[in-house]
Amino acid sequence: MLWELRQYHIRDGKKDEWVRLMEDKIIPFQVSKGMVILGSFTGEEDENIYIWMRRFENESERERLYKEVYESDYWKDEIGPQIPDLMDREKVNVTRLEPTPLSPIQ
């Protein structure tokens, strides 16, 4: 398995709008393509942080799903144009993770 922890910096005052976009459009669309979303979170003390986790079977699945999602017309025409107003893409941090032997998430 391949794990991805994605951390975004949401623009000031845009947290609720960003969460709606994620929960109403981005996550359902990605799940419909086969991505496994493990969870999404906002910062309790930091209004500008959004974190979510995804899981892939392997690198080839990740590459295939990235292509299906991010190169789709729906992403390019519907979702993509909304992102710059809500999230600072310069501050995106993606960490690929490997669970430890006793981690409940495997």
PDB file of N, CA and C in Angstrom:
ATOM      1  N   MET A   1       0.840  -1.198   0.000  1.00  0.00           N
ATOM      2  CA  MET A   1       0.000   0.000   0.000  1.00  0.00           C
ATOM      3  C   MET A   1       0.876   1.249   0.000  1.00  0.00           C
ATOM      4  N   LEU A   2       0.330   2.275  -0.567  1.00  0.00           N
ATOM      5  CA  LEU A   2       0.994   3.568  -0.615  1.00  0.00           C
ATOM      6  C   LEU A   2       0.046   4.580   0.021  1.00  0.00           C
ATOM      7  N   TRP A   3       0.552   5.357   0.938  1.00  0.00           N
ATOM      8  CA  TRP A   3      -0.259   6.322   1.692  1.00  0.00           C
ATOM      9  C   TRP A   3       0.191   7.726   1.345  1.00  0.00           C
ATOM     10  N   GLU A   4      -0.763   8.632   1.320  1.00  0.00           N
ATOM     11  CA  GLU A   4      -0.477  10.020   0.992  1.00  0.00           C
ATOM     12  C   GLU A   4      -1.160  10.917   2.021  1.00  0.00           C
ATOM     13  N   LEU A   5      -0.377  11.760   2.686  1.00  0.00           N
ATOM     14  CA  LEU A   5      -0.897  12.764   3.607  1.00  0.00           C
ATOM     15  C   LEU A   5      -0.748  14.103   2.910  1.00  0.00           C
ATOM     16  N   ARG A   6      -1.868  14.754   2.662  1.00  0.00           N
ATOM     17  CA  ARG A   6      -1.851  16.020   1.927  1.00  0.00           C
ATOM     18  C   ARG A   6      -2.244  17.153   2.877  1.00  0.00           C
ATOM     19  N   GLN A   7      -1.402  18.177   2.955  1.00  0.00           N
ATOM     20  CA  GLN A   7      -1.669  19.315   3.829  1.00  0.00           C
ATOM     21  C   GLN A   7      -1.757  20.571   2.974  1.00  0.00           C
ATOM     22  N   TYR A   8      -2.869  21.286   3.119  1.00  0.00           N
ATOM     23  CA  TYR A   8      -3.119  22.490   2.326  1.00  0.00           C
ATOM     24  C   TYR A   8      -3.242  23.708   3.234  1.00  0.00           C
ATOM     25  N   HIS A   9      -2.867  24.847   2.678  1.00  0.00           N
ATOM     26  CA  HIS A   9      -3.073  26.137   3.356  1.00  0.00           C
ATOM     27  C   HIS A   9      -4.270  26.812   2.685  1.00  0.00           C
ATOM     28  N   ILE A  10      -5.350  26.957   3.443  1.00  0.00           N
ATOM     29  CA  ILE A  10      -6.578  27.551   2.925  1.00  0.00           C
ATOM     30  C   ILE A  10      -6.508  29.072   3.117  1.00  0.00           C
ATOM     31  N   ARG A  11      -6.982  29.788   2.129  1.00  0.00           N
ATOM     32  CA  ARG A  11      -6.948  31.257   2.188  1.00  0.00           C
ATOM     33  C   ARG A  11      -7.837  31.759   3.328  1.00  0.00           C
ATOM     34  N   ASP A  12      -7.462  32.912   3.874  1.00  0.00           N
ATOM     35  CA  ASP A  12      -8.186  33.503   4.999  1.00  0.00           C
ATOM     36  C   ASP A  12      -9.683  33.603   4.704  1.00  0.00           C
ATOM     37  N   GLY A  13     -10.475  33.124   5.651  1.00  0.00           N
ATOM     38  CA  GLY A  13     -11.922  33.213   5.552  1.00  0.00           C
ATOM     39  C   GLY A  13     -12.568  32.250   4.570  1.00  0.00           C
ATOM     40  N   LYS A  14     -11.811  31.330   4.019  1.00  0.00           N
ATOM     41  CA  LYS A  14     -12.335  30.426   2.987  1.00  0.00           C
ATOM     42  C   LYS A  14     -12.494  28.975   3.462  1.00  0.00           C
ATOM     43  N   LYS A  15     -12.273  28.712   4.749  1.00  0.00           N
ATOM     44  CA  LYS A  15     -12.300  27.331   5.240  1.00  0.00           C
ATOM     45  C   LYS A  15     -13.632  26.651   4.951  1.00  0.00           C
ATOM     46  N   ASP A  16     -14.743  27.264   5.293  1.00  0.00           N
ATOM     47  CA  ASP A  16     -16.045  26.627   5.106  1.00  0.00           C
ATOM     48  C   ASP A  16     -16.320  26.360   3.630  1.00  0.00           C
ATOM     49  N   GLU A  17     -15.967  27.305   2.783  1.00  0.00           N
ATOM     50  CA  GLU A  17     -16.160  27.134   1.345  1.00  0.00           C
ATOM     51  C   GLU A  17     -15.284  25.994   0.815  1.00  0.00           C
ATOM     52  N   TRP A  18     -14.037  25.924   1.317  1.00  0.00           N
ATOM     53  CA  TRP A  18     -13.143  24.848   0.897  1.00  0.00           C
ATOM     54  C   TRP A  18     -13.682  23.477   1.325  1.00  0.00           C
ATOM     55  N   VAL A  19     -14.127  23.354   2.563  1.00  0.00           N
ATOM     56  CA  VAL A  19     -14.651  22.080   3.067  1.00  0.00           C
ATOM     57  C   VAL A  19     -15.870  21.667   2.242  1.00  0.00           C
ATOM     58  N   ARG A  20     -16.744  22.617   1.898  1.00  0.00           N
ATOM     59  CA  ARG A  20     -17.899  22.291   1.052  1.00  0.00           C
ATOM     60  C   ARG A  20     -17.459  21.765  -0.307  1.00  0.00           C
ATOM     61  N   LEU A  21     -16.467  22.428  -0.916  1.00  0.00           N
ATOM     62  CA  LEU A  21     -15.968  21.967  -2.211  1.00  0.00           C
ATOM     63  C   LEU A  21     -15.387  20.561  -2.093  1.00  0.00           C
ATOM     64  N   MET A  22     -14.606  20.320  -1.061  1.00  0.00           N
ATOM     65  CA  MET A  22     -14.020  18.990  -0.861  1.00  0.00           C
ATOM     66  C   MET A  22     -15.109  17.939  -0.676  1.00  0.00           C
ATOM     67  N   GLU A  23     -16.063  18.216   0.207  1.00  0.00           N
ATOM     68  CA  GLU A  23     -17.050  17.207   0.566  1.00  0.00           C
ATOM     69  C   GLU A  23     -18.162  17.042  -0.465  1.00  0.00           C
ATOM     70  N   ASP A  24     -18.468  18.103  -1.193  1.00  0.00           N
ATOM     71  CA  ASP A  24     -19.549  18.023  -2.186  1.00  0.00           C
ATOM     72  C   ASP A  24     -19.066  17.603  -3.564  1.00  0.00           C
ATOM     73  N   LYS A  25     -17.816  17.942  -3.910  1.00  0.00           N
ATOM     74  CA  LYS A  25     -17.354  17.687  -5.276  1.00  0.00           C
ATOM     75  C   LYS A  25     -16.062  16.879  -5.355  1.00  0.00           C
ATOM     76  N   ILE A  26     -15.010  17.353  -4.694  1.00  0.00           N
ATOM     77  CA  ILE A  26     -13.694  16.737  -4.889  1.00  0.00           C
ATOM     78  C   ILE A  26     -13.655  15.299  -4.383  1.00  0.00           C
ATOM     79  N   ILE A  27     -14.013  15.084  -3.133  1.00  0.00           N
ATOM     80  CA  ILE A  27     -13.942  13.730  -2.583  1.00  0.00           C
ATOM     81  C   ILE A  27     -14.895  12.780  -3.313  1.00  0.00           C
ATOM     82  N   PRO A  28     -16.173  13.140  -3.508  1.00  0.00           N
ATOM     83  CA  PRO A  28     -17.045  12.214  -4.244  1.00  0.00           C
ATOM     84  C   PRO A  28     -16.533  11.907  -5.659  1.00  0.00           C
ATOM     85  N   PHE A  29     -15.996  12.890  -6.347  1.00  0.00           N
ATOM     86  CA  PHE A  29     -15.477  12.654  -7.689  1.00  0.00           C
ATOM     87  C   PHE A  29     -14.289  11.703  -7.647  1.00  0.00           C
ATOM     88  N   GLN A  30     -13.357  11.944  -6.739  1.00  0.00           N
ATOM     89  CA  GLN A  30     -12.187  11.085  -6.667  1.00  0.00           C
ATOM     90  C   GLN A  30     -12.570   9.667  -6.255  1.00  0.00           C
ATOM     91  N   VAL A  31     -13.484   9.517  -5.334  1.00  0.00           N
ATOM     92  CA  VAL A  31     -13.944   8.194  -4.932  1.00  0.00           C
ATOM     93  C   VAL A  31     -14.613   7.491  -6.118  1.00  0.00           C
ATOM     94  N   SER A  32     -15.368   8.228  -6.917  1.00  0.00           N
ATOM     95  CA  SER A  32     -16.030   7.622  -8.082  1.00  0.00           C
ATOM     96  C   SER A  32     -15.026   7.091  -9.096  1.00  0.00           C
ATOM     97  N   LYS A  33     -13.820   7.632  -9.083  1.00  0.00           N
ATOM     98  CA  LYS A  33     -12.764   7.167  -9.978  1.00  0.00           C
ATOM     99  C   LYS A  33     -11.968   6.010  -9.382  1.00  0.00           C
ATOM    100  N   GLY A  34     -12.189   5.721  -8.092  1.00  0.00           N
ATOM    101  CA  GLY A  34     -11.516   4.601  -7.460  1.00  0.00           C
ATOM    102  C   GLY A  34     -10.528   4.966  -6.366  1.00  0.00           C
ATOM    103  N   MET A  35     -10.355   6.242  -6.080  1.00  0.00           N
ATOM    104  CA  MET A  35      -9.438   6.626  -5.005  1.00  0.00           C
ATOM    105  C   MET A  35     -10.042   6.264  -3.659  1.00  0.00           C
ATOM    106  N   VAL A  36      -9.182   5.904  -2.718  1.00  0.00           N
ATOM    107  CA  VAL A  36      -9.617   5.592  -1.361  1.00  0.00           C
ATOM    108  C   VAL A  36      -9.214   6.771  -0.484  1.00  0.00           C
ATOM    109  N   ILE A  37     -10.210   7.455   0.048  1.00  0.00           N
ATOM    110  CA  ILE A  37      -9.989   8.599   0.936  1.00  0.00           C
ATOM    111  C   ILE A  37     -10.189   8.097   2.362  1.00  0.00           C
ATOM    112  N   LEU A  38      -9.153   8.249   3.184  1.00  0.00           N
ATOM    113  CA  LEU A  38      -9.204   7.730   4.552  1.00  0.00           C
ATOM    114  C   LEU A  38      -9.761   8.729   5.546  1.00  0.00           C
ATOM    115  N   GLY A  39      -9.651   9.995   5.257  1.00  0.00           N
ATOM    116  CA  GLY A  39     -10.164  11.008   6.174  1.00  0.00           C
ATOM    117  C   GLY A  39      -9.758  12.387   5.729  1.00  0.00           C
ATOM    118  N   SER A  40     -10.492  13.370   6.225  1.00  0.00           N
ATOM    119  CA  SER A  40     -10.150  14.771   5.970  1.00  0.00           C
ATOM    120  C   SER A  40     -10.369  15.545   7.264  1.00  0.00           C
ATOM    121  N   PHE A  41      -9.540  16.567   7.452  1.00  0.00           N
ATOM    122  CA  PHE A  41      -9.494  17.262   8.737  1.00  0.00           C
ATOM    123  C   PHE A  41      -9.235  18.754   8.537  1.00  0.00           C
ATOM    124  N   THR A  42      -9.746  19.549   9.454  1.00  0.00           N
ATOM    125  CA  THR A  42      -9.368  20.962   9.529  1.00  0.00           C
ATOM    126  C   THR A  42      -8.647  21.167  10.851  1.00  0.00           C
ATOM    127  N   GLY A  43      -7.854  22.230  10.908  1.00  0.00           N
ATOM    128  CA  GLY A  43      -7.119  22.516  12.130  1.00  0.00           C
ATOM    129  C   GLY A  43      -8.029  23.047  13.222  1.00  0.00           C
ATOM    130  N   GLU A  44      -7.859  22.518  14.416  1.00  0.00           N
ATOM    131  CA  GLU A  44      -8.656  22.988  15.553  1.00  0.00           C
ATOM    132  C   GLU A  44      -8.264  24.407  15.946  1.00  0.00           C
ATOM    133  N   GLU A  45      -6.974  24.703  15.896  1.00  0.00           N
ATOM    134  CA  GLU A  45      -6.489  26.020  16.288  1.00  0.00           C
ATOM    135  C   GLU A  45      -6.060  26.868  15.092  1.00  0.00           C
ATOM    136  N   ASP A  46      -5.766  26.239  13.975  1.00  0.00           N
ATOM    137  CA  ASP A  46      -5.324  26.950  12.780  1.00  0.00           C
ATOM    138  C   ASP A  46      -6.434  26.880  11.735  1.00  0.00           C
ATOM    139  N   GLU A  47      -7.125  27.989  11.525  1.00  0.00           N
ATOM    140  CA  GLU A  47      -8.246  28.065  10.589  1.00  0.00           C
ATOM    141  C   GLU A  47      -7.834  27.819   9.145  1.00  0.00           C
ATOM    142  N   ASN A  48      -6.553  27.910   8.855  1.00  0.00           N
ATOM    143  CA  ASN A  48      -6.093  27.850   7.472  1.00  0.00           C
ATOM    144  C   ASN A  48      -5.510  26.500   7.077  1.00  0.00           C
ATOM    145  N   ILE A  49      -5.621  25.507   7.930  1.00  0.00           N
ATOM    146  CA  ILE A  49      -5.029  24.210   7.597  1.00  0.00           C
ATOM    147  C   ILE A  49      -6.132  23.204   7.252  1.00  0.00           C
ATOM    148  N   TYR A  50      -5.875  22.438   6.204  1.00  0.00           N
ATOM    149  CA  TYR A  50      -6.747  21.337   5.796  1.00  0.00           C
ATOM    150  C   TYR A  50      -5.845  20.156   5.476  1.00  0.00           C
ATOM    151  N   ILE A  51      -6.170  19.006   6.036  1.00  0.00           N
ATOM    152  CA  ILE A  51      -5.359  17.805   5.835  1.00  0.00           C
ATOM    153  C   ILE A  51      -6.282  16.666   5.414  1.00  0.00           C
ATOM    154  N   TRP A  52      -5.820  15.873   4.484  1.00  0.00           N
ATOM    155  CA  TRP A  52      -6.553  14.661   4.127  1.00  0.00           C
ATOM    156  C   TRP A  52      -5.588  13.570   3.746  1.00  0.00           C
ATOM    157  N   MET A  53      -6.092  12.321   3.808  1.00  0.00           N
ATOM    158  CA  MET A  53      -5.253  11.157   3.531  1.00  0.00           C
ATOM    159  C   MET A  53      -5.902  10.301   2.451  1.00  0.00           C
ATOM    160  N   ARG A  54      -5.045   9.764   1.570  1.00  0.00           N
ATOM    161  CA  ARG A  54      -5.493   8.837   0.541  1.00  0.00           C
ATOM    162  C   ARG A  54      -4.615   7.595   0.574  1.00  0.00           C
ATOM    163  N   ARG A  55      -5.180   6.488   0.071  1.00  0.00           N
ATOM    164  CA  ARG A  55      -4.439   5.234   0.016  1.00  0.00           C
ATOM    165  C   ARG A  55      -4.516   4.671  -1.405  1.00  0.00           C
ATOM    166  N   PHE A  56      -3.389   4.143  -1.867  1.00  0.00           N
ATOM    167  CA  PHE A  56      -3.311   3.512  -3.180  1.00  0.00           C
ATOM    168  C   PHE A  56      -2.700   2.128  -3.012  1.00  0.00           C
ATOM    169  N   GLU A  57      -3.067   1.214  -3.885  1.00  0.00           N
ATOM    170  CA  GLU A  57      -2.513  -0.139  -3.844  1.00  0.00           C
ATOM    171  C   GLU A  57      -1.006  -0.131  -4.106  1.00  0.00           C
ATOM    172  N   ASN A  58      -0.590   0.709  -5.058  1.00  0.00           N
ATOM    173  CA  ASN A  58       0.816   0.784  -5.443  1.00  0.00           C
ATOM    174  C   ASN A  58       1.029   2.021  -6.308  1.00  0.00           C
ATOM    175  N   GLU A  59       2.252   2.224  -6.737  1.00  0.00           N
ATOM    176  CA  GLU A  59       2.583   3.420  -7.514  1.00  0.00           C
ATOM    177  C   GLU A  59       1.865   3.444  -8.865  1.00  0.00           C
ATOM    178  N   SER A  60       1.728   2.319  -9.503  1.00  0.00           N
ATOM    179  CA  SER A  60       1.063   2.319 -10.812  1.00  0.00           C
ATOM    180  C   SER A  60      -0.416   2.683 -10.673  1.00  0.00           C
ATOM    181  N   GLU A  61      -1.068   2.236  -9.593  1.00  0.00           N
ATOM    182  CA  GLU A  61      -2.458   2.647  -9.371  1.00  0.00           C
ATOM    183  C   GLU A  61      -2.533   4.147  -9.108  1.00  0.00           C
ATOM    184  N   ARG A  62      -1.611   4.659  -8.292  1.00  0.00           N
ATOM    185  CA  ARG A  62      -1.601   6.103  -8.006  1.00  0.00           C
ATOM    186  C   ARG A  62      -1.462   6.895  -9.297  1.00  0.00           C
ATOM    187  N   GLU A  63      -0.537   6.511 -10.143  1.00  0.00           N
ATOM    188  CA  GLU A  63      -0.330   7.217 -11.407  1.00  0.00           C
ATOM    189  C   GLU A  63      -1.567   7.157 -12.292  1.00  0.00           C
ATOM    190  N   ARG A  64      -2.183   5.974 -12.374  1.00  0.00           N
ATOM    191  CA  ARG A  64      -3.391   5.813 -13.196  1.00  0.00           C
ATOM    192  C   ARG A  64      -4.533   6.676 -12.672  1.00  0.00           C
ATOM    193  N   LEU A  65      -4.754   6.662 -11.354  1.00  0.00           N
ATOM    194  CA  LEU A  65      -5.846   7.445 -10.779  1.00  0.00           C
ATOM    195  C   LEU A  65      -5.581   8.940 -10.866  1.00  0.00           C
ATOM    196  N   TYR A  66      -4.333   9.357 -10.677  1.00  0.00           N
ATOM    197  CA  TYR A  66      -4.000  10.770 -10.861  1.00  0.00           C
ATOM    198  C   TYR A  66      -4.390  11.215 -12.272  1.00  0.00           C
ATOM    199  N   LYS A  67      -4.043  10.400 -13.246  1.00  0.00           N
ATOM    200  CA  LYS A  67      -4.349  10.748 -14.630  1.00  0.00           C
ATOM    201  C   LYS A  67      -5.861  10.814 -14.849  1.00  0.00           C
ATOM    202  N   GLU A  68      -6.593   9.814 -14.367  1.00  0.00           N
ATOM    203  CA  GLU A  68      -8.047   9.785 -14.542  1.00  0.00           C
ATOM    204  C   GLU A  68      -8.727  10.979 -13.885  1.00  0.00           C
ATOM    205  N   VAL A  69      -8.223  11.395 -12.745  1.00  0.00           N
ATOM    206  CA  VAL A  69      -8.838  12.517 -12.029  1.00  0.00           C
ATOM    207  C   VAL A  69      -8.369  13.857 -12.597  1.00  0.00           C
ATOM    208  N   TYR A  70      -7.078  14.104 -12.547  1.00  0.00           N
ATOM    209  CA  TYR A  70      -6.562  15.439 -12.825  1.00  0.00           C
ATOM    210  C   TYR A  70      -6.494  15.797 -14.306  1.00  0.00           C
ATOM    211  N   GLU A  71      -6.597  14.818 -15.185  1.00  0.00           N
ATOM    212  CA  GLU A  71      -6.623  15.106 -16.616  1.00  0.00           C
ATOM    213  C   GLU A  71      -8.034  15.032 -17.192  1.00  0.00           C
ATOM    214  N   SER A  72      -9.022  14.822 -16.345  1.00  0.00           N
ATOM    215  CA  SER A  72     -10.411  14.737 -16.813  1.00  0.00           C
ATOM    216  C   SER A  72     -10.955  16.131 -17.123  1.00  0.00           C
ATOM    217  N   ASP A  73     -11.912  16.171 -18.016  1.00  0.00           N
ATOM    218  CA  ASP A  73     -12.569  17.440 -18.342  1.00  0.00           C
ATOM    219  C   ASP A  73     -13.294  17.995 -17.124  1.00  0.00           C
ATOM    220  N   TYR A  74     -13.906  17.123 -16.337  1.00  0.00           N
ATOM    221  CA  TYR A  74     -14.628  17.579 -15.142  1.00  0.00           C
ATOM    222  C   TYR A  74     -13.678  18.311 -14.192  1.00  0.00           C
ATOM    223  N   TRP A  75     -12.487  17.747 -13.976  1.00  0.00           N
ATOM    224  CA  TRP A  75     -11.529  18.406 -13.094  1.00  0.00           C
ATOM    225  C   TRP A  75     -11.082  19.734 -13.697  1.00  0.00           C
ATOM    226  N   LYS A  76     -10.712  19.710 -14.957  1.00  0.00           N
ATOM    227  CA  LYS A  76     -10.192  20.914 -15.616  1.00  0.00           C
ATOM    228  C   LYS A  76     -11.229  22.023 -15.722  1.00  0.00           C
ATOM    229  N   ASP A  77     -12.488  21.659 -15.995  1.00  0.00           N
ATOM    230  CA  ASP A  77     -13.521  22.671 -16.247  1.00  0.00           C
ATOM    231  C   ASP A  77     -14.330  23.059 -15.016  1.00  0.00           C
ATOM    232  N   GLU A  78     -14.580  22.098 -14.130  1.00  0.00           N
ATOM    233  CA  GLU A  78     -15.485  22.330 -13.003  1.00  0.00           C
ATOM    234  C   GLU A  78     -14.752  22.578 -11.684  1.00  0.00           C
ATOM    235  N   ILE A  79     -13.828  21.717 -11.346  1.00  0.00           N
ATOM    236  CA  ILE A  79     -13.191  21.794 -10.032  1.00  0.00           C
ATOM    237  C   ILE A  79     -11.957  22.692 -10.046  1.00  0.00           C
ATOM    238  N   GLY A  80     -11.050  22.428 -10.957  1.00  0.00           N
ATOM    239  CA  GLY A  80      -9.784  23.152 -11.004  1.00  0.00           C
ATOM    240  C   GLY A  80      -9.888  24.664 -10.936  1.00  0.00           C
ATOM    241  N   PRO A  81     -10.797  25.286 -11.694  1.00  0.00           N
ATOM    242  CA  PRO A  81     -10.886  26.753 -11.664  1.00  0.00           C
ATOM    243  C   PRO A  81     -11.267  27.339 -10.310  1.00  0.00           C
ATOM    244  N   GLN A  82     -11.900  26.545  -9.443  1.00  0.00           N
ATOM    245  CA  GLN A  82     -12.312  27.048  -8.125  1.00  0.00           C
ATOM    246  C   GLN A  82     -11.177  27.049  -7.105  1.00  0.00           C
ATOM    247  N   ILE A  83     -10.184  26.231  -7.322  1.00  0.00           N
ATOM    248  CA  ILE A  83      -9.158  25.999  -6.304  1.00  0.00           C
ATOM    249  C   ILE A  83      -8.300  27.221  -5.984  1.00  0.00           C
ATOM    250  N   PRO A  84      -7.794  27.977  -6.960  1.00  0.00           N
ATOM    251  CA  PRO A  84      -6.892  29.089  -6.616  1.00  0.00           C
ATOM    252  C   PRO A  84      -7.498  30.147  -5.693  1.00  0.00           C
ATOM    253  N   ASP A  85      -8.818  30.338  -5.752  1.00  0.00           N
ATOM    254  CA  ASP A  85      -9.466  31.324  -4.878  1.00  0.00           C
ATOM    255  C   ASP A  85      -9.584  30.837  -3.437  1.00  0.00           C
ATOM    256  N   LEU A  86      -9.464  29.543  -3.237  1.00  0.00           N
ATOM    257  CA  LEU A  86      -9.696  28.969  -1.912  1.00  0.00           C
ATOM    258  C   LEU A  86      -8.439  28.446  -1.230  1.00  0.00           C
ATOM    259  N   MET A  87      -7.463  27.995  -2.028  1.00  0.00           N
ATOM    260  CA  MET A  87      -6.284  27.328  -1.467  1.00  0.00           C
ATOM    261  C   MET A  87      -5.021  27.869  -2.111  1.00  0.00           C
ATOM    262  N   ASP A  88      -3.987  28.033  -1.290  1.00  0.00           N
ATOM    263  CA  ASP A  88      -2.693  28.508  -1.776  1.00  0.00           C
ATOM    264  C   ASP A  88      -1.877  27.311  -2.259  1.00  0.00           C
ATOM    265  N   ARG A  89      -1.817  27.120  -3.566  1.00  0.00           N
ATOM    266  CA  ARG A  89      -1.110  25.961  -4.119  1.00  0.00           C
ATOM    267  C   ARG A  89       0.395  25.997  -3.858  1.00  0.00           C
ATOM    268  N   GLU A  90       0.933  27.168  -3.592  1.00  0.00           N
ATOM    269  CA  GLU A  90       2.369  27.285  -3.300  1.00  0.00           C
ATOM    270  C   GLU A  90       2.725  26.631  -1.962  1.00  0.00           C
ATOM    271  N   LYS A  91       1.728  26.455  -1.101  1.00  0.00           N
ATOM    272  CA  LYS A  91       1.983  25.919   0.242  1.00  0.00           C
ATOM    273  C   LYS A  91       1.488  24.482   0.412  1.00  0.00           C
ATOM    274  N   VAL A  92       1.219  23.787  -0.675  1.00  0.00           N
ATOM    275  CA  VAL A  92       0.786  22.391  -0.591  1.00  0.00           C
ATOM    276  C   VAL A  92       1.961  21.526  -0.141  1.00  0.00           C
ATOM    277  N   ASN A  93       1.687  20.644   0.796  1.00  0.00           N
ATOM    278  CA  ASN A  93       2.696  19.710   1.271  1.00  0.00           C
ATOM    279  C   ASN A  93       2.129  18.293   1.168  1.00  0.00           C
ATOM    280  N   VAL A  94       2.746  17.467   0.331  1.00  0.00           N
ATOM    281  CA  VAL A  94       2.314  16.080   0.173  1.00  0.00           C
ATOM    282  C   VAL A  94       3.410  15.182   0.723  1.00  0.00           C
ATOM    283  N   THR A  95       3.040  14.350   1.689  1.00  0.00           N
ATOM    284  CA  THR A  95       3.984  13.424   2.305  1.00  0.00           C
ATOM    285  C   THR A  95       3.519  12.008   2.024  1.00  0.00           C
ATOM    286  N   ARG A  96       4.409  11.229   1.445  1.00  0.00           N
ATOM    287  CA  ARG A  96       4.111   9.809   1.239  1.00  0.00           C
ATOM    288  C   ARG A  96       4.569   9.064   2.483  1.00  0.00           C
ATOM    289  N   LEU A  97       3.703   8.177   2.965  1.00  0.00           N
ATOM    290  CA  LEU A  97       3.930   7.530   4.249  1.00  0.00           C
ATOM    291  C   LEU A  97       4.035   6.018   4.105  1.00  0.00           C
ATOM    292  N   GLU A  98       4.783   5.412   5.015  1.00  0.00           N
ATOM    293  CA  GLU A  98       4.862   3.961   5.150  1.00  0.00           C
ATOM    294  C   GLU A  98       4.495   3.638   6.581  1.00  0.00           C
ATOM    295  N   PRO A  99       3.465   2.803   6.789  1.00  0.00           N
ATOM    296  CA  PRO A  99       3.079   2.483   8.159  1.00  0.00           C
ATOM    297  C   PRO A  99       4.151   1.651   8.852  1.00  0.00           C
ATOM    298  N   THR A 100       4.278   1.853  10.145  1.00  0.00           N
ATOM    299  CA  THR A 100       5.169   1.031  10.955  1.00  0.00           C
ATOM    300  C   THR A 100       4.525  -0.336  11.166  1.00  0.00           C
ATOM    301  N   PRO A 101       5.294  -1.337  11.588  1.00  0.00           N
ATOM    302  CA  PRO A 101       4.753  -2.693  11.705  1.00  0.00           C
ATOM    303  C   PRO A 101       3.499  -2.821  12.571  1.00  0.00           C
ATOM    304  N   LEU A 102       3.391  -2.042  13.635  1.00  0.00           N
ATOM    305  CA  LEU A 102       2.241  -2.171  14.522  1.00  0.00           C
ATOM    306  C   LEU A 102       1.148  -1.113  14.275  1.00  0.00           C
ATOM    307  N   SER A 103       1.278  -0.339  13.212  1.00  0.00           N
ATOM    308  CA  SER A 103       0.276   0.665  12.898  1.00  0.00           C
ATOM    309  C   SER A 103      -1.062   0.005  12.599  1.00  0.00           C
ATOM    310  N   PRO A 104      -2.164   0.517  13.191  1.00  0.00           N
ATOM    311  CA  PRO A 104      -3.497  -0.045  12.882  1.00  0.00           C
ATOM    312  C   PRO A 104      -3.882   0.156  11.413  1.00  0.00           C
ATOM    313  N   ILE A 105      -3.318   1.140  10.779  1.00  0.00           N
ATOM    314  CA  ILE A 105      -3.572   1.373   9.351  1.00  0.00           C
ATOM    315  C   ILE A 105      -2.482   0.675   8.571  1.00  0.00           C
ATOM    316  N   GLN A 106      -2.850  -0.311   7.812  1.00  0.00           N
ATOM    317  CA  GLN A 106      -1.882  -1.056   7.000  1.00  0.00           C
ATOM    318  C   GLN A 106      -2.289  -1.041   5.541  1.00  0.00           C
TER     319      GLN A 106
END
